[in-house]
Structure formats: structure tokens, C-alpha cells
Protein backbone atom coordinates (compact mmCIF):
# COMPACT_ATOMS: atom_id res chain seq x y z
CA MET A 1 0.00 0.00 0.00
CA SER A 2 1.20 3.50 -0.72
CA GLU A 3 0.23 6.83 0.72
CA VAL A 4 -2.34 9.06 -0.93
CA ALA A 5 -0.91 12.07 -2.74
CA PRO A 6 -3.01 15.09 -3.77
CA GLU A 7 -2.79 14.00 -7.42
CA ASP A 8 -4.17 10.58 -6.38
CA LEU A 9 -7.24 12.27 -4.91
CA ALA A 10 -7.75 14.23 -8.13
CA THR A 11 -7.41 11.04 -10.18
CA LEU A 12 -9.83 9.20 -7.88
CA GLU A 13 -12.40 11.98 -8.20
CA ALA A 14 -12.14 11.74 -11.99
CA GLN A 15 -12.36 7.93 -11.88
CA LEU A 16 -15.36 7.88 -9.54
CA GLY A 17 -17.16 10.97 -10.77
CA ARG A 18 -17.38 12.20 -7.18
CA PRO A 19 -14.99 13.07 -4.36
CA PRO A 20 -13.51 9.92 -2.78
CA ARG A 21 -14.47 9.20 0.83
CA GLY A 22 -12.43 7.67 3.62
CA VAL A 23 -9.37 6.84 1.49
CA VAL A 24 -6.41 5.90 3.69
CA GLY A 25 -4.08 4.53 1.02
CA ILE A 26 -3.64 3.30 -2.50
CA ALA A 27 -3.74 -0.49 -2.29
CA ALA A 28 -2.87 -1.13 -5.96
CA ARG A 29 -1.70 1.07 -8.80
CA CYS A 30 -1.73 0.86 -12.56
CA VAL A 31 1.71 0.36 -14.09
CA CYS A 32 1.56 4.09 -14.98
CA GLY A 33 1.17 4.93 -11.27
CA ARG A 34 -2.49 5.95 -11.16
CA PRO A 35 -4.73 4.38 -8.48
CA THR A 36 -6.45 1.10 -9.33
CA VAL A 37 -7.64 0.06 -5.84
CA VAL A 38 -8.03 2.28 -2.80
CA ARG A 39 -7.93 1.21 0.80
CA THR A 40 -10.81 2.77 2.67
CA ALA A 41 -11.31 3.38 6.38
CA PRO A 42 -13.85 1.09 8.03
CA ARG A 43 -15.74 4.18 9.21
CA LEU A 44 -16.28 7.04 6.79
CA PRO A 45 -15.71 10.64 7.92
CA ASP A 46 -19.46 11.11 8.45
CA GLY A 47 -19.47 8.14 10.88
CA THR A 48 -21.00 5.58 8.50
CA PRO A 49 -19.59 2.05 8.89
CA PHE A 50 -17.99 1.00 5.59
CA PRO A 51 -17.05 -2.68 5.19
CA THR A 52 -15.49 -2.29 1.71
CA THR A 53 -11.84 -1.91 2.61
CA PHE A 54 -10.58 -2.48 -0.94
CA TYR A 55 -12.45 -0.47 -3.55
CA LEU A 56 -11.75 -0.98 -7.25
CA THR A 57 -11.55 2.45 -8.94
CA HIS A 58 -9.85 2.00 -12.33
CA PRO A 59 -12.64 2.68 -14.85
CA VAL A 60 -11.55 0.08 -17.40
CA ALA A 61 -11.18 -2.57 -14.69
CA VAL A 62 -14.55 -1.62 -13.19
CA ALA A 63 -16.21 -1.91 -16.61
CA ALA A 64 -14.57 -5.26 -17.33
CA VAL A 65 -15.71 -6.66 -13.97
CA SER A 66 -19.22 -5.27 -14.48
CA THR A 67 -19.42 -7.03 -17.85
CA LEU A 68 -18.24 -10.25 -16.22
CA GLU A 69 -20.85 -9.93 -13.47
CA ALA A 70 -23.55 -9.57 -16.13
CA THR A 71 -22.72 -13.04 -17.47
CA GLY A 72 -23.96 -14.75 -14.30
CA VAL A 73 -20.52 -15.90 -13.18
CA MET A 74 -21.23 -14.90 -9.56
CA ARG A 75 -24.08 -17.40 -9.36
CA GLU A 76 -21.79 -20.09 -10.79
CA MET A 77 -19.01 -19.23 -8.33
CA SER A 78 -21.46 -19.31 -5.41
CA GLN A 79 -22.64 -22.75 -6.52
CA ARG A 80 -19.04 -23.97 -6.73
CA LEU A 81 -18.51 -22.84 -3.13
CA LEU A 82 -21.28 -25.25 -2.12
CA GLU A 83 -19.80 -28.12 -4.13
CA ASP A 84 -16.05 -27.68 -3.63
CA PRO A 85 -14.90 -27.79 0.01
CA GLU A 86 -11.35 -26.79 -0.90
CA LEU A 87 -12.52 -23.70 -2.79
CA ALA A 88 -14.90 -22.87 0.06
CA ALA A 89 -12.02 -23.09 2.55
CA ARG A 90 -9.86 -20.82 0.41
CA HIS A 91 -12.74 -18.34 0.07
CA ARG A 92 -13.20 -18.38 3.86
CA ALA A 93 -9.45 -17.75 4.26
CA ALA A 94 -9.80 -14.75 1.91
CA HIS A 95 -12.63 -13.49 4.13
CA GLU A 96 -10.40 -13.82 7.21
CA ASP A 97 -7.55 -12.02 5.42
CA TYR A 98 -9.94 -9.21 4.45
CA LEU A 99 -11.12 -8.85 8.05
CA ALA A 100 -7.54 -8.82 9.36
CA ARG A 101 -6.49 -6.12 6.90
CA ARG A 102 -9.53 -4.01 7.81
CA ALA A 103 -8.83 -4.47 11.53
CA GLU A 104 -5.42 -2.83 10.96
CA LEU A 105 -7.38 0.36 10.29
CA GLY A 106 -9.62 0.16 13.36
CA GLU A 107 -12.51 -1.76 14.78
CA VAL A 108 -16.11 -0.90 13.93
CA PRO A 109 -18.55 -2.97 16.01
CA GLU A 110 -21.42 -2.53 13.55
CA ILE A 111 -19.54 -4.46 10.84
CA GLU A 112 -17.59 -6.87 13.02
CA GLY A 113 -17.22 -10.20 11.21
CA VAL A 114 -18.64 -8.79 7.98
CA SER A 115 -16.17 -8.57 5.13
CA ALA A 116 -17.45 -7.74 1.65
CA GLY A 117 -18.36 -9.21 -1.69
CA GLY A 118 -20.46 -11.96 -0.14
CA MET A 119 -17.54 -13.60 1.64
CA PRO A 120 -17.33 -16.10 3.21
CA THR A 121 -20.29 -18.11 1.91
CA ARG A 122 -21.19 -16.67 -1.49
CA VAL A 123 -20.13 -14.28 -4.24
CA LYS A 124 -22.08 -11.04 -4.27
CA CYS A 125 -19.65 -8.50 -5.77
CA LEU A 126 -16.72 -9.35 -8.02
CA HIS A 127 -15.45 -5.76 -7.81
CA VAL A 128 -14.62 -6.35 -4.14
CA LEU A 129 -12.98 -9.73 -4.79
CA VAL A 130 -10.88 -8.30 -7.62
CA GLY A 131 -9.92 -5.29 -5.50
CA HIS A 132 -8.85 -7.58 -2.68
CA ALA A 133 -6.90 -9.82 -5.08
CA LEU A 134 -5.05 -6.83 -6.53
CA ALA A 135 -4.33 -5.34 -3.09
CA ALA A 136 -3.28 -8.56 -1.35
CA GLY A 137 -1.51 -10.26 -4.26
CA ARG A 138 -2.08 -13.47 -6.14
CA GLY A 139 -3.16 -16.48 -4.10
CA VAL A 140 -5.00 -14.66 -1.32
CA ASN A 141 -8.44 -14.34 -2.93
CA PRO A 142 -8.99 -17.30 -5.27
CA LEU A 143 -12.19 -16.05 -6.86
CA GLY A 144 -10.73 -12.57 -7.28
CA ASP A 145 -7.76 -14.17 -9.01
CA GLU A 146 -10.12 -16.18 -11.20
CA ALA A 147 -12.11 -13.07 -12.12
CA LEU A 148 -8.86 -11.33 -13.10
CA GLU A 149 -8.08 -14.22 -15.44
CA LEU A 150 -11.59 -14.01 -16.92
CA ILE A 151 -11.23 -10.30 -17.75
CA ALA A 152 -7.62 -10.47 -18.99
CA ASP A 153 -8.70 -9.86 -22.59
CA ARG A 154 -10.31 -6.54 -21.53
CA TRP A 155 -8.10 -5.40 -18.64
CA ARG A 156 -5.03 -6.65 -16.82
CA PRO A 157 -2.95 -4.96 -14.13
CA GLU A 158 0.33 -5.12 -16.04
CA VAL A 159 -0.99 -3.13 -19.05
CA CYS A 160 -1.91 0.55 -18.74
CA ARG A 161 -5.37 1.34 -20.08
CA CYS A 162 -5.72 4.74 -18.41
């Protein structure tokens, strides 16, 4: 993770179409240096609990993941979690990793034990899983890694598409 520079905040506002909230660091960057994933405080400045620690911001990556979600892959992944105990265990480990990384930023009782993206029992948001995979590195979030492979023809972290 790297610190947030003023130019990062300007880039994030352009990426999101609104001012970013609760950003505490840049968890992953494009090869050109622009933010791809932000790390967000577990409580926003207005006091709202915010479980999404890793937030995917790169517009091309967001669009690629949105297109993937539209294919129904989340339903298929959720079904595989029910059928594959090894995958389910790895998904639960990703959930635990997510919680541990959020806890580094502070405890918020309202979201205790709640990670994001449907973890640990289902897949609800691939954007979160991909953000976590990019922030934590390959092998931590198996379904985030898988989603990255599935969008590689549209976006990949080692090629700038800014």
C-alpha cells in the first residue's frame, strides 16, 4: 500500500465521478502509477460504517468486472462454493484475510465479522474480490484471481489502459 498524494485524490475523483471518501491509502496502482484500488477506512468521515476496505476504482477494470458480473458468473461461483470444500475453505481464508487487513485500520462494532463481496459463503460483488486480489496479491483471494483471469482480454494490471 502507498500513501495518498493530492494527485491521487484528483485522479480518484475523476475515476469515480465524485470526491472519494475515507481513502487511507492506495492499495494497488496501474503500471503508470495511477490508483487502481483504494484502501478505505472502516468508518467514513461522516461516521458511516464501511465494510469495503478495498475499492476498485480503475474505470476500465470496473467496466470489465461489471461485464463479467452480467454473465452470471457470480451465481456459478457461489454454486461452486457449495460443491467444492477446498474452494470454500480458500474463500473463507480470503474473508479472514480481508477482516484482518480491515482491523489494521480500526474496529467498527457494527460491521464486526462482515467482510465484503459476499464472503465467506457466497459471491455477491466481483469488484470487491478483484480489488482484494489486486491489493493482497495473487493467491489470497482465489475467486478474485479467477475473475482477473476471466477479464484479462479486456483489462489486466500489467498493461496501462488509463
